[in-house]
Amino acid sequence: MVRVLHTGDWHIGQTLRGYPREYEQARVFDQLVEVVAQREIDVLIVAGDIFDSQNPSAEAQRLFYETIERLHTARSSMKTVIVAGNHDAAGRLEAPHPLLARFNVRVVGNVRRCEGKIDAGRHHIVLADQNGEVFLHVLAVSYPTATCLPNLTRLDDETGSPVVREVKKLYDELYESVRPKLQGVPLIVTGHLHVMGAIESEGAERRILVGGQHAVPIDVFPAEASYVALGHLHKAQRVGRDTIRYSGSLIPLSATEQPYKHSVTLLSIDSVGVAVEQIPINRPVPFLRLPTTGEIRLADLYDHLTQLELPSDLEPHLRPFVQVRLAREGLVSGYRAELDRIAEGFPVRIVEARVQLQEGVVARVDAAADPYTQLADRDPEEMFKLAFMKQFNAEPTLAHLDVFHRAQAEV
């Protein structure tokens, strides 16, 4: 039996509306270390977005390396495979590999080519036990940048996306290079991208693939893979079949992720197949929605905050995050200043205040949100109008459009 733990999207160093998350991230890493020790994990796979920024702070880097050391102490025999995500600087992540190797950690950044051919050996990780017996192969593939996908020119007779074509070609080429070496041993493939059919978080996950195409079908991955460990989307979910999964983030990374249940994915692999289990990760800090359903009037916000019965001396890093859903009834311009004034007397952190959309605006935004239209085919002014309506519940005025056109001209 081989036990593999799949996680990803740590986003170390992230802030939410200016509030630091270091305390929360340290506490969920406590839970991760505990899972590794209690479940006797053999392999840890981290599917990208280790950091929130390509230039992480010293504090963020310290937390990362401390976590790596603690994981190794908890389970010294465990092998760790880390791939770079779109938030990571691949070269920076790979740079300390001689030191990380001492902790049985292997980091894989961008795809490298020599004379047009992929250096497949960098991505094929063979894991063996203390007796030298191979128990698992990992095809570690990071976020596919434009340089990883060299031929994005649309062919004359091509109807599909050149991005999807090149991503599939990338995985096909890598798989064909390792296939003769598998010899019946299980294979895990990683990916850091958006797979069609998966649920993304509004405003939290960048649509990262180039060329206006941001999602790929599941058939880009080799069908022979025992499991596909995905990163990038923050909601833990299966895609297509039970063995293609996003492990999800360890904490909510935006207000839209308030309802999520966070977890890591445990794989138990034996001669029969792969058993999948989601292990819950508890939130160190509450993330609340006021009200729990529907909307409230701004005048009622004080009463709702009072009913939380929070200690007045709650330390800043322990104060709950709160998203507020406001009804349009009685709302005037400048309402946010009044909301902040009300919340100032309570030990909370307001991270979102969203106003109920007018019915006509909802219908127009929904009708325009065609998931099959590529971004490259959208008119920039149309996109601006839709974004404005969604944010402010009204159409932009001529003055707004004038500012937009001047900004567009400067770009």
Protein backbone atom coordinates (compact mmCIF):
# COMPACT_ATOMS: atom_id res chain seq x y z
CA MET A 1 0.00 0.00 0.00
CA VAL A 2 1.31 3.42 -1.01
CA ARG A 3 -0.17 6.50 0.66
CA VAL A 4 -0.01 9.73 -1.34
CA LEU A 5 -1.21 13.09 -0.04
CA HIS A 6 -2.29 15.64 -2.66
CA THR A 7 -2.45 19.32 -1.79
CA GLY A 8 -1.77 22.64 -3.49
CA ASP A 9 -2.64 26.32 -3.79
CA TRP A 10 -1.00 27.28 -0.50
CA HIS A 11 -0.58 30.91 -1.63
CA ILE A 12 1.84 31.65 1.19
CA GLY A 13 2.09 35.39 1.76
CA GLN A 14 -1.42 36.16 0.56
CA THR A 15 -3.37 39.06 2.02
CA LEU A 16 -7.13 39.45 1.86
CA ARG A 17 -8.26 43.07 1.45
CA GLY A 18 -4.98 44.06 3.08
CA TYR A 19 -5.29 41.66 6.03
CA PRO A 20 -2.30 39.28 6.44
CA ARG A 21 -2.92 35.52 6.48
CA GLU A 22 0.32 34.28 8.06
CA TYR A 23 -1.34 33.11 11.26
CA GLU A 24 -3.97 31.08 9.38
CA GLN A 25 -1.42 29.55 7.03
CA ALA A 26 0.85 28.52 9.89
CA ARG A 27 -2.06 26.84 11.68
CA VAL A 28 -3.26 24.89 8.63
CA PHE A 29 0.33 23.74 8.08
CA ASP A 30 0.18 22.42 11.67
CA GLN A 31 -2.76 20.29 10.54
CA LEU A 32 -0.90 19.19 7.40
CA VAL A 33 2.08 18.04 9.47
CA GLU A 34 -0.29 16.14 11.76
CA VAL A 35 -1.95 14.37 8.81
CA VAL A 36 1.44 13.37 7.38
CA ALA A 37 2.50 11.85 10.71
CA GLN A 38 -0.78 10.16 11.64
CA ARG A 39 -1.53 8.72 8.20
CA GLU A 40 2.10 7.68 7.58
CA ILE A 41 2.26 9.40 4.20
CA ASP A 42 4.77 8.02 1.68
CA VAL A 43 4.52 10.78 -0.94
CA LEU A 44 3.39 14.40 -0.71
CA ILE A 45 2.41 16.17 -3.94
CA VAL A 46 1.99 19.95 -3.96
CA ALA A 47 0.31 20.97 -7.23
CA GLY A 48 1.47 24.56 -7.62
CA ASP A 49 0.94 28.09 -6.30
CA ILE A 50 3.17 27.61 -3.29
CA PHE A 51 3.45 31.37 -2.95
CA ASP A 52 0.92 34.08 -3.74
CA SER A 53 3.53 36.25 -5.42
CA GLN A 54 6.44 35.63 -7.76
CA ASN A 55 8.46 37.81 -5.40
CA PRO A 56 7.46 36.43 -1.97
CA SER A 57 8.40 38.25 1.20
CA ALA A 58 11.09 37.00 3.56
CA GLU A 59 8.34 36.01 6.02
CA ALA A 60 6.52 33.96 3.36
CA GLN A 61 9.72 32.16 2.35
CA ARG A 62 10.58 31.45 5.97
CA LEU A 63 7.16 29.88 6.56
CA PHE A 64 7.60 27.71 3.47
CA TYR A 65 11.02 26.37 4.45
CA GLU A 66 9.99 25.88 8.08
CA THR A 67 7.02 23.84 6.86
CA ILE A 68 9.24 21.69 4.62
CA GLU A 69 11.54 21.00 7.59
CA ARG A 70 8.61 20.15 9.88
CA LEU A 71 7.08 17.80 7.32
CA HIS A 72 10.41 16.01 6.96
CA THR A 73 10.76 15.71 10.75
CA ALA A 74 7.25 14.29 11.02
CA ARG A 75 7.90 11.67 8.32
CA SER A 76 11.57 11.46 7.34
CA SER A 77 11.00 8.72 4.75
CA MET A 78 8.35 10.73 2.86
CA LYS A 79 9.13 11.93 -0.67
CA THR A 80 7.79 15.35 -1.69
CA VAL A 81 7.10 16.54 -5.24
CA ILE A 82 6.37 20.24 -5.81
CA VAL A 83 5.45 21.84 -9.14
CA ALA A 84 5.35 25.55 -9.91
CA GLY A 85 2.01 27.30 -10.43
CA ASN A 86 1.18 30.49 -12.26
CA HIS A 87 1.75 32.52 -9.08
CA ASP A 88 5.22 31.04 -8.56
CA ALA A 89 8.55 32.11 -10.02
CA ALA A 90 9.61 28.71 -11.32
CA GLY A 91 13.33 29.48 -11.30
CA ARG A 92 13.23 30.89 -7.77
CA LEU A 93 11.32 27.83 -6.57
CA GLU A 94 13.83 25.43 -8.14
CA ALA A 95 16.98 27.31 -7.13
CA PRO A 96 17.59 25.74 -3.68
CA HIS A 97 17.22 22.17 -5.01
CA PRO A 98 20.52 20.90 -3.48
CA LEU A 99 19.24 21.87 -0.03
CA LEU A 100 15.68 20.68 -0.63
CA ALA A 101 17.03 17.32 -1.81
CA ARG A 102 18.26 16.72 1.75
CA PHE A 103 14.60 16.73 2.80
CA ASN A 104 13.61 14.34 -0.04
CA VAL A 105 11.98 17.25 -1.90
CA ARG A 106 11.95 17.55 -5.69
CA VAL A 107 10.79 20.80 -7.31
CA VAL A 108 9.84 21.03 -11.01
CA GLY A 109 9.46 24.41 -12.68
CA ASN A 110 8.90 25.32 -16.32
CA VAL A 111 9.25 22.91 -19.21
CA ARG A 112 12.69 23.05 -20.81
CA ARG A 113 13.46 22.15 -24.38
CA CYS A 114 16.65 21.36 -26.25
CA GLU A 115 16.50 21.76 -30.02
CA GLY A 116 12.72 21.68 -29.83
CA LYS A 117 12.55 18.48 -27.78
CA ILE A 118 11.31 18.41 -24.19
CA ASP A 119 13.79 17.47 -21.49
CA ALA A 120 11.44 14.78 -20.21
CA GLY A 121 13.88 13.52 -17.59
CA ARG A 122 13.26 16.64 -15.48
CA HIS A 123 9.58 15.75 -15.21
CA HIS A 124 9.81 12.01 -14.69
CA ILE A 125 10.31 11.31 -10.99
CA VAL A 126 10.90 7.69 -10.02
CA LEU A 127 10.21 6.92 -6.36
CA ALA A 128 11.74 3.89 -4.71
CA ASP A 129 11.74 2.47 -1.18
CA GLN A 130 14.76 1.87 1.04
CA ASN A 131 15.40 -1.41 -0.76
CA GLY A 132 15.52 0.31 -4.14
CA GLU A 133 12.19 -1.11 -5.28
CA VAL A 134 10.22 1.36 -7.40
CA PHE A 135 6.72 1.92 -6.03
CA LEU A 136 5.54 5.02 -7.94
CA HIS A 137 6.21 7.13 -11.02
CA VAL A 138 5.29 10.83 -11.05
CA LEU A 139 5.01 12.89 -14.23
CA ALA A 140 5.45 16.33 -12.69
CA VAL A 141 4.10 19.07 -14.97
CA SER A 142 3.93 22.69 -13.83
CA TYR A 143 1.81 25.58 -15.11
CA PRO A 144 2.21 25.64 -18.92
CA THR A 145 3.55 29.08 -19.82
CA ALA A 146 3.63 30.43 -23.38
CA THR A 147 7.24 29.25 -23.69
CA CYS A 148 6.12 25.74 -22.70
CA LEU A 149 3.69 25.77 -25.64
CA PRO A 150 5.86 26.91 -28.55
CA ASN A 151 3.46 26.57 -31.48
CA LEU A 152 0.28 28.52 -30.81
CA THR A 153 -0.38 29.49 -34.42
CA ARG A 154 -3.83 28.45 -35.55
CA LEU A 155 -3.63 26.08 -38.52
CA ASP A 156 -5.61 26.92 -41.67
CA ASP A 157 -7.94 23.96 -41.30
CA GLU A 158 -8.05 24.00 -37.50
CA THR A 159 -11.37 24.52 -35.72
CA GLY A 160 -10.32 23.88 -32.13
CA SER A 161 -8.09 25.87 -29.81
CA PRO A 162 -4.33 25.84 -30.55
CA VAL A 163 -3.76 26.16 -26.79
CA VAL A 164 -5.63 22.92 -26.08
CA ARG A 165 -3.81 21.27 -28.97
CA GLU A 166 -0.40 22.24 -27.59
CA VAL A 167 -1.23 21.33 -23.97
CA LYS A 168 -2.33 17.88 -25.12
CA LYS A 169 0.80 17.59 -27.26
CA LEU A 170 2.90 18.48 -24.20
CA TYR A 171 1.33 15.76 -22.05
CA ASP A 172 1.41 13.23 -24.89
CA GLU A 173 5.11 13.81 -25.52
CA LEU A 174 5.97 13.54 -21.83
CA TYR A 175 3.90 10.40 -21.37
CA GLU A 176 5.36 8.66 -24.41
CA SER A 177 8.85 9.32 -23.07
CA VAL A 178 8.10 7.60 -19.74
CA ARG A 179 5.68 4.88 -20.87
CA PRO A 180 8.36 2.23 -21.59
CA LYS A 181 9.77 2.73 -18.08
CA LEU A 182 6.54 2.23 -16.13
CA GLN A 183 6.52 -1.59 -16.16
CA GLY A 184 3.18 -1.85 -14.38
CA VAL A 185 4.05 0.57 -11.57
CA PRO A 186 1.35 3.23 -10.85
CA LEU A 187 1.72 6.66 -12.48
CA ILE A 188 0.56 9.99 -11.03
CA VAL A 189 0.38 13.02 -13.34
CA THR A 190 0.24 16.60 -12.10
CA GLY A 191 -1.22 19.72 -13.70
CA HIS A 192 -1.72 23.36 -12.80
CA LEU A 193 -4.47 24.68 -15.06
CA HIS A 194 -8.22 24.95 -15.44
CA VAL A 195 -9.94 21.78 -16.62
CA MET A 196 -13.32 22.03 -18.34
CA GLY A 197 -16.24 21.22 -16.10
CA ALA A 198 -14.54 22.37 -12.91
CA ILE A 199 -15.88 25.15 -10.69
CA GLU A 200 -13.74 28.27 -10.33
CA SER A 201 -13.88 30.98 -7.68
CA GLU A 202 -15.06 34.38 -8.86
CA GLY A 203 -12.29 36.95 -8.59
CA ALA A 204 -9.76 34.57 -7.01
CA GLU A 205 -8.29 32.48 -9.82
CA ARG A 206 -6.73 34.03 -12.88
CA ARG A 207 -7.79 32.62 -16.22
CA ILE A 208 -4.24 31.66 -16.90
CA LEU A 209 -3.87 29.99 -20.28
CA VAL A 210 -2.80 32.16 -23.17
CA GLY A 211 -4.69 32.86 -26.39
CA GLY A 212 -8.10 33.50 -24.82
CA GLN A 213 -8.51 29.81 -23.96
CA HIS A 214 -8.48 29.15 -20.22
CA ALA A 215 -9.76 25.58 -19.87
CA VAL A 216 -8.70 22.22 -21.28
CA PRO A 217 -10.66 18.95 -21.59
CA ILE A 218 -9.71 15.98 -19.41
CA ASP A 219 -8.47 14.01 -22.43
CA VAL A 220 -5.26 16.07 -22.47
CA PHE A 221 -4.09 13.80 -19.63
CA PRO A 222 -2.95 10.23 -20.34
CA ALA A 223 -5.80 7.78 -19.75
CA GLU A 224 -3.29 5.32 -18.27
CA ALA A 225 -2.55 7.59 -15.29
CA SER A 226 -3.64 6.13 -11.97
CA TYR A 227 -4.39 9.64 -10.70
CA VAL A 228 -4.18 13.25 -11.94
CA ALA A 229 -3.26 15.72 -9.17
CA LEU A 230 -4.48 19.18 -10.14
CA GLY A 231 -3.85 22.66 -8.81
CA HIS A 232 -5.07 26.19 -9.59
CA LEU A 233 -8.77 25.99 -8.70
CA HIS A 234 -9.44 26.48 -5.00
CA LYS A 235 -12.52 24.30 -4.58
CA ALA A 236 -11.78 20.66 -3.77
CA GLN A 237 -13.52 18.67 -6.51
CA ARG A 238 -13.36 15.79 -8.93
CA VAL A 239 -13.43 16.46 -12.66
CA GLY A 240 -14.81 13.88 -15.05
CA ARG A 241 -13.86 10.89 -12.94
CA ASP A 242 -12.89 10.20 -9.33
CA THR A 243 -9.16 10.00 -10.08
CA ILE A 244 -8.86 13.48 -11.63
CA ARG A 245 -9.04 15.98 -8.79
CA TYR A 246 -8.30 19.41 -7.45
CA SER A 247 -7.30 19.17 -3.80
CA GLY A 248 -8.33 22.80 -3.31
CA SER A 249 -6.82 25.48 -1.10
CA LEU A 250 -6.22 25.12 2.65
CA ILE A 251 -7.97 28.39 3.55
CA PRO A 252 -10.50 30.61 1.73
CA LEU A 253 -8.53 32.91 -0.56
CA SER A 254 -11.41 35.21 -1.50
CA ALA A 255 -14.83 36.14 -0.18
CA THR A 256 -16.49 33.93 -2.80
CA GLU A 257 -14.80 30.90 -1.19
CA GLN A 258 -16.58 31.46 2.12
CA PRO A 259 -18.84 28.38 1.64
CA TYR A 260 -15.97 26.01 0.70
CA LYS A 261 -14.98 23.00 2.76
CA HIS A 262 -11.18 22.78 2.73
CA SER A 263 -9.28 19.51 2.68
CA VAL A 264 -6.33 17.52 1.43
CA THR A 265 -6.72 14.41 -0.72
CA LEU A 266 -5.39 11.06 0.47
CA LEU A 267 -4.72 8.36 -2.12
CA SER A 268 -4.30 4.76 -1.07
CA ILE A 269 -2.77 2.89 -3.99
CA ASP A 270 -2.48 -0.91 -4.15
CA SER A 271 -2.70 -3.67 -6.72
CA VAL A 272 -6.47 -3.27 -6.90
CA GLY A 273 -6.49 0.44 -7.73
CA VAL A 274 -6.75 3.87 -6.10
CA ALA A 275 -8.95 4.72 -3.12
CA VAL A 276 -9.59 8.44 -2.59
CA GLU A 277 -10.38 10.13 0.72
CA GLN A 278 -10.82 13.82 1.52
CA ILE A 279 -9.31 14.77 4.88
CA PRO A 280 -10.88 17.97 6.27
CA ILE A 281 -8.75 20.99 7.13
CA ASN A 282 -10.32 23.19 9.79
CA ARG A 283 -10.30 26.97 9.45
CA PRO A 284 -8.18 28.66 12.14
CA VAL A 285 -10.25 31.86 11.80
CA PRO A 286 -14.02 32.01 11.14
CA PHE A 287 -15.22 33.36 7.81
CA LEU A 288 -18.81 34.56 8.15
CA ARG A 289 -21.58 35.72 5.83
CA LEU A 290 -24.11 38.29 7.01
CA PRO A 291 -26.84 37.33 6.70
CA THR A 292 -26.35 33.58 6.21
CA THR A 293 -28.82 33.75 3.31
CA GLY A 294 -30.40 36.60 1.40
CA GLU A 295 -29.59 40.26 2.08
CA ILE A 296 -29.88 42.75 4.91
CA ARG A 297 -30.51 46.49 5.03
CA LEU A 298 -27.51 48.57 6.01
CA ALA A 299 -29.53 49.88 8.96
CA ASP A 300 -29.73 46.32 10.34
CA LEU A 301 -25.98 45.60 10.14
CA TYR A 302 -25.34 46.79 13.72
CA ASP A 303 -27.86 44.29 15.11
CA HIS A 304 -26.38 41.41 13.10
CA LEU A 305 -22.86 42.19 14.29
CA THR A 306 -24.08 42.45 17.89
CA GLN A 307 -25.68 39.02 17.65
CA LEU A 308 -22.28 37.47 16.89
CA GLU A 309 -21.38 38.10 20.56
CA LEU A 310 -17.66 38.36 19.84
CA PRO A 311 -15.22 39.24 22.67
CA SER A 312 -14.31 42.91 22.43
CA ASP A 313 -10.65 42.18 23.17
CA LEU A 314 -10.23 39.64 20.34
CA GLU A 315 -6.71 39.89 18.90
CA PRO A 316 -6.58 41.28 15.34
CA HIS A 317 -5.33 38.04 13.74
CA LEU A 318 -8.19 36.08 15.35
CA ARG A 319 -10.99 38.39 14.29
CA PRO A 320 -13.48 36.75 11.89
CA PHE A 321 -13.57 37.72 8.25
CA VAL A 322 -17.04 38.90 7.25
CA GLN A 323 -18.73 39.31 3.91
CA VAL A 324 -21.90 41.40 3.90
CA ARG A 325 -24.78 41.08 1.45
CA LEU A 326 -26.76 44.31 1.33
CA ALA A 327 -30.24 44.92 0.01
CA ARG A 328 -30.66 47.91 -2.30
CA GLU A 329 -33.57 49.18 -0.22
CA GLY A 330 -32.70 52.53 1.35
CA LEU A 331 -29.08 52.39 0.18
CA VAL A 332 -27.50 55.71 -0.79
CA SER A 333 -24.23 56.64 -2.45
CA GLY A 334 -21.29 56.55 -0.04
CA TYR A 335 -22.81 53.62 1.85
CA ARG A 336 -19.39 51.97 2.25
CA ALA A 337 -18.20 54.73 4.59
CA GLU A 338 -21.27 54.18 6.77
CA LEU A 339 -20.72 50.42 6.72
CA ASP A 340 -17.10 50.87 7.83
CA ARG A 341 -18.22 53.21 10.60
CA ILE A 342 -20.67 50.59 11.92
CA ALA A 343 -18.15 47.75 11.70
CA GLU A 344 -15.41 49.78 13.39
CA GLY A 345 -17.00 49.15 16.78
CA PHE A 346 -16.79 45.37 16.42
CA PRO A 347 -13.84 42.91 16.38
CA VAL A 348 -14.39 41.84 12.76
CA ARG A 349 -12.67 42.24 9.40
CA ILE A 350 -15.04 43.21 6.58
CA VAL A 351 -13.62 41.78 3.35
CA GLU A 352 -16.60 42.22 1.04
CA ALA A 353 -19.77 44.29 0.92
CA ARG A 354 -21.84 43.33 -2.09
CA VAL A 355 -25.09 45.01 -3.05
CA GLN A 356 -28.01 43.01 -4.40
CA LEU A 357 -28.09 43.26 -8.19
CA GLN A 358 -31.13 44.73 -9.87
CA GLU A 359 -33.13 42.08 -11.69
CA GLY A 360 -32.56 43.66 -15.10
CA VAL A 361 -28.81 43.83 -14.53
CA VAL A 362 -28.68 40.19 -13.42
CA ALA A 363 -30.45 39.09 -16.59
CA ARG A 364 -28.16 41.14 -18.85
CA VAL A 365 -24.95 39.98 -17.18
CA ASP A 366 -26.04 36.34 -17.21
CA ALA A 367 -27.10 36.54 -20.85
CA ALA A 368 -23.74 38.05 -21.85
CA ALA A 369 -21.67 35.50 -19.93
CA ASP A 370 -21.35 32.99 -22.74
CA PRO A 371 -18.82 30.36 -21.51
CA TYR A 372 -17.99 29.33 -25.07
CA THR A 373 -16.90 32.79 -26.23
CA GLN A 374 -13.14 33.30 -26.04
CA LEU A 375 -11.80 36.44 -24.40
CA ALA A 376 -9.98 37.36 -27.60
CA ASP A 377 -13.36 37.57 -29.37
CA ARG A 378 -14.83 40.02 -26.84
CA ASP A 379 -15.03 43.75 -27.47
CA PRO A 380 -13.12 45.56 -24.66
CA GLU A 381 -15.87 48.16 -24.25
CA GLU A 382 -18.46 45.40 -23.92
CA MET A 383 -16.38 43.75 -21.19
CA PHE A 384 -15.99 47.09 -19.40
CA LYS A 385 -19.75 47.67 -19.44
CA LEU A 386 -20.47 44.20 -18.07
CA ALA A 387 -17.89 44.57 -15.30
CA PHE A 388 -19.23 48.01 -14.40
CA MET A 389 -22.83 46.76 -14.20
CA LYS A 390 -21.82 43.80 -12.06
CA GLN A 391 -19.86 45.99 -9.65
CA PHE A 392 -22.16 49.03 -9.43
CA ASN A 393 -25.58 47.69 -10.46
CA ALA A 394 -25.96 50.36 -13.14
CA GLU A 395 -24.78 51.12 -16.64
CA PRO A 396 -21.66 53.31 -17.04
CA THR A 397 -22.29 56.93 -17.94
CA LEU A 398 -20.69 58.78 -20.85
CA ALA A 399 -18.13 60.17 -18.41
CA HIS A 400 -17.16 56.63 -17.34
CA LEU A 401 -16.87 55.51 -20.95
CA ASP A 402 -14.71 58.52 -21.76
CA VAL A 403 -12.25 57.57 -18.99
CA PHE A 404 -12.26 53.96 -20.21
CA HIS A 405 -11.52 54.98 -23.80
CA ARG A 406 -8.63 57.21 -22.68
CA ALA A 407 -7.16 54.38 -20.60
CA GLN A 408 -7.58 51.99 -23.51
CA ALA A 409 -5.80 54.41 -25.83
CA GLU A 410 -2.87 54.70 -23.39
CA VAL A 411 -2.55 50.91 -23.20
